[in-house]
Structure formats: structure tokens, C-alpha cells
Amino acid sequence: MATATIERSGDGGGTSSVDPFARSLQTMQAALADVVDAPAWSLTDEALTDRITATLAVSAGVDELLARLVGSALERELARLAGASSPTAWLACAHGLSR
């Protein structure tokens, strides 16, 4: 599983405090790093089913967060300000997402 490192380029307010989004994302990245080499085969059938259910719930939460952040980027017209032809092109180019 590939992970991205959260790098903070500034919050626009001149403060050095970490926003709650960055803090949560850093926590999630650290938690995923803790299990990157954990053998899933060692889980019982019941535990494996439970972990799949929990992973899907976490994934839904991450999808919701991404949708809110992208929605905010759209409201701020970040794609246009970056010179992209569309928000889709901006996401594909700047963030490595496929169309």
C-alpha cells in the first residue's frame, strides 16, 4: 500500500499550529504504517471479517473527508488558479489521480 507524507506548506494565517485535518491524516498514516507488515493470514476468519468491515467503514470516512476537501478546493477555484483546464485535470495532474 502506498502512503503519502503530509507536508504542511502553510495555513495562510501565519501560524505554525497544525490544523485538525493534518493532525488526523498524520494519525491515520502512522496507524497504517503500524500494520504495513502485519500478516493478515494470522487473523481468524471472524477477525478477518471484522477487520474488513472496519476497513470499509474507515474507507468511507476517508472518502467523505476527501469529498469535503475537494469541494472546498472547487469553491475556491484552485484548479483555475493553478492554470488547469478543469478540476478533473487539476486533480489528475497535481495529485496523480486518474480520470
C-alpha atoms as a PDB file:
ATOM      1  CA  MET A   1       0.000   0.000   0.000  1.00  0.00           C
ATOM      2  CA  ALA A   2       1.396   3.395  -0.944  1.00  0.00           C
ATOM      3  CA  THR A   3       1.182   6.226   1.524  1.00  0.00           C
ATOM      4  CA  ALA A   4       1.779   9.909   1.113  1.00  0.00           C
ATOM      5  CA  THR A   5       3.609  12.096   3.548  1.00  0.00           C
ATOM      6  CA  ILE A   6       1.675  15.087   4.822  1.00  0.00           C
ATOM      7  CA  GLU A   7       3.724  18.205   4.251  1.00  0.00           C
ATOM      8  CA  ARG A   8       2.364  21.453   5.511  1.00  0.00           C
ATOM      9  CA  SER A   9       3.079  24.421   3.275  1.00  0.00           C
ATOM     10  CA  GLY A  10       1.223  26.902   5.442  1.00  0.00           C
ATOM     11  CA  ASP A  11      -2.252  27.693   6.553  1.00  0.00           C
ATOM     12  CA  GLY A  12      -2.450  31.184   5.145  1.00  0.00           C
ATOM     13  CA  GLY A  13      -2.822  32.603   8.634  1.00  0.00           C
ATOM     14  CA  GLY A  14       0.837  32.843   9.538  1.00  0.00           C
ATOM     15  CA  THR A  15       0.589  30.390  12.421  1.00  0.00           C
ATOM     16  CA  SER A  16       2.610  27.231  12.859  1.00  0.00           C
ATOM     17  CA  SER A  17      -0.129  25.169  14.512  1.00  0.00           C
ATOM     18  CA  VAL A  18      -1.290  22.062  12.698  1.00  0.00           C
ATOM     19  CA  ASP A  19      -4.907  22.087  11.563  1.00  0.00           C
ATOM     20  CA  PRO A  20      -7.246  19.249  12.614  1.00  0.00           C
ATOM     21  CA  PHE A  21      -7.231  17.790   9.095  1.00  0.00           C
ATOM     22  CA  ALA A  22      -3.429  17.469   9.020  1.00  0.00           C
ATOM     23  CA  ARG A  23      -3.394  16.070  12.551  1.00  0.00           C
ATOM     24  CA  SER A  24      -5.983  13.399  11.692  1.00  0.00           C
ATOM     25  CA  LEU A  25      -4.250  12.490   8.437  1.00  0.00           C
ATOM     26  CA  GLN A  26      -0.902  12.157  10.213  1.00  0.00           C
ATOM     27  CA  THR A  27      -2.523   9.892  12.811  1.00  0.00           C
ATOM     28  CA  MET A  28      -4.080   7.719  10.101  1.00  0.00           C
ATOM     29  CA  GLN A  29      -0.767   7.454   8.235  1.00  0.00           C
ATOM     30  CA  ALA A  30       1.021   6.417  11.417  1.00  0.00           C
ATOM     31  CA  ALA A  31      -1.658   3.833  12.198  1.00  0.00           C
ATOM     32  CA  LEU A  32      -1.393   2.355   8.706  1.00  0.00           C
ATOM     33  CA  ALA A  33       2.399   2.235   8.985  1.00  0.00           C
ATOM     34  CA  ASP A  34       1.955   0.147  12.146  1.00  0.00           C
ATOM     35  CA  VAL A  35       0.247  -2.630  10.178  1.00  0.00           C
ATOM     36  CA  VAL A  36       2.045  -2.429   6.838  1.00  0.00           C
ATOM     37  CA  ASP A  37       3.952  -5.653   7.540  1.00  0.00           C
ATOM     38  CA  ALA A  38       1.342  -7.354   9.737  1.00  0.00           C
ATOM     39  CA  PRO A  39       0.380 -10.758   8.306  1.00  0.00           C
ATOM     40  CA  ALA A  40      -3.350 -10.847   7.528  1.00  0.00           C
ATOM     41  CA  TRP A  41      -3.148 -14.627   7.264  1.00  0.00           C
ATOM     42  CA  SER A  42      -2.695 -14.771  11.034  1.00  0.00           C
ATOM     43  CA  LEU A  43      -6.229 -13.471  11.661  1.00  0.00           C
ATOM     44  CA  THR A  44      -9.043 -15.882  12.421  1.00  0.00           C
ATOM     45  CA  ASP A  45     -11.926 -15.986   9.950  1.00  0.00           C
ATOM     46  CA  GLU A  46     -14.074 -13.956  12.347  1.00  0.00           C
ATOM     47  CA  ALA A  47     -11.331 -11.395  12.975  1.00  0.00           C
ATOM     48  CA  LEU A  48     -10.652 -11.090   9.233  1.00  0.00           C
ATOM     49  CA  THR A  49     -14.339 -10.434   8.558  1.00  0.00           C
ATOM     50  CA  ASP A  50     -14.411  -7.856  11.363  1.00  0.00           C
ATOM     51  CA  ARG A  51     -11.280  -6.108  10.031  1.00  0.00           C
ATOM     52  CA  ILE A  52     -12.745  -5.948   6.522  1.00  0.00           C
ATOM     53  CA  THR A  53     -15.929  -4.380   7.928  1.00  0.00           C
ATOM     54  CA  ALA A  54     -13.912  -1.873   9.963  1.00  0.00           C
ATOM     55  CA  THR A  55     -11.650  -1.067   6.998  1.00  0.00           C
ATOM     56  CA  LEU A  56     -14.660  -0.347   4.798  1.00  0.00           C
ATOM     57  CA  ALA A  57     -16.047   1.991   7.475  1.00  0.00           C
ATOM     58  CA  VAL A  58     -12.718   3.830   7.723  1.00  0.00           C
ATOM     59  CA  SER A  59     -12.514   3.995   3.931  1.00  0.00           C
ATOM     60  CA  ALA A  60     -15.985   5.567   3.789  1.00  0.00           C
ATOM     61  CA  GLY A  61     -14.861   8.179   6.299  1.00  0.00           C
ATOM     62  CA  VAL A  62     -11.744   8.953   4.272  1.00  0.00           C
ATOM     63  CA  ASP A  63     -13.853   9.202   1.094  1.00  0.00           C
ATOM     64  CA  GLU A  64     -16.168  11.665   2.852  1.00  0.00           C
ATOM     65  CA  LEU A  65     -13.204  13.748   4.006  1.00  0.00           C
ATOM     66  CA  LEU A  66     -11.717  13.773   0.500  1.00  0.00           C
ATOM     67  CA  ALA A  67     -15.064  14.859  -0.951  1.00  0.00           C
ATOM     68  CA  ARG A  68     -15.268  17.766   1.517  1.00  0.00           C
ATOM     69  CA  LEU A  69     -11.699  18.871   0.814  1.00  0.00           C
ATOM     70  CA  VAL A  70     -12.137  18.658  -2.964  1.00  0.00           C
ATOM     71  CA  GLY A  71     -15.450  20.502  -2.631  1.00  0.00           C
ATOM     72  CA  SER A  72     -13.678  23.296  -0.790  1.00  0.00           C
ATOM     73  CA  ALA A  73     -10.985  23.379  -3.472  1.00  0.00           C
ATOM     74  CA  LEU A  74     -13.706  23.688  -6.120  1.00  0.00           C
ATOM     75  CA  GLU A  75     -15.374  26.548  -4.229  1.00  0.00           C
ATOM     76  CA  ARG A  76     -12.027  28.353  -4.066  1.00  0.00           C
ATOM     77  CA  GLU A  77     -11.392  27.658  -7.767  1.00  0.00           C
ATOM     78  CA  LEU A  78      -7.948  26.240  -7.003  1.00  0.00           C
ATOM     79  CA  ALA A  79      -7.882  24.369 -10.316  1.00  0.00           C
ATOM     80  CA  ARG A  80      -8.409  27.574 -12.284  1.00  0.00           C
ATOM     81  CA  LEU A  81      -5.874  29.447 -10.155  1.00  0.00           C
ATOM     82  CA  ALA A  82      -3.349  26.675 -10.844  1.00  0.00           C
ATOM     83  CA  GLY A  83      -3.937  27.104 -14.576  1.00  0.00           C
ATOM     84  CA  ALA A  84      -5.653  23.765 -15.070  1.00  0.00           C
ATOM     85  CA  SER A  85      -8.242  23.360 -17.805  1.00  0.00           C
ATOM     86  CA  SER A  86     -10.679  21.735 -15.370  1.00  0.00           C
ATOM     87  CA  PRO A  87     -10.892  20.472 -11.796  1.00  0.00           C
ATOM     88  CA  THR A  88     -10.537  16.924 -13.149  1.00  0.00           C
ATOM     89  CA  ALA A  89      -7.343  17.860 -14.985  1.00  0.00           C
ATOM     90  CA  TRP A  90      -6.025  19.568 -11.841  1.00  0.00           C
ATOM     91  CA  LEU A  91      -6.681  16.522  -9.666  1.00  0.00           C
ATOM     92  CA  ALA A  92      -5.153  14.210 -12.271  1.00  0.00           C
ATOM     93  CA  CYS A  93      -2.017  16.295 -12.743  1.00  0.00           C
ATOM     94  CA  ALA A  94      -1.372  17.802  -9.321  1.00  0.00           C
ATOM     95  CA  HIS A  95      -2.374  14.792  -7.263  1.00  0.00           C
ATOM     96  CA  GLY A  96      -1.758  11.825  -9.534  1.00  0.00           C
ATOM     97  CA  LEU A  97      -5.398  10.764  -9.725  1.00  0.00           C
ATOM     98  CA  SER A  98      -6.707   9.018 -12.814  1.00  0.00           C
ATOM     99  CA  ARG A  99      -9.611  10.404 -14.777  1.00  0.00           C
END
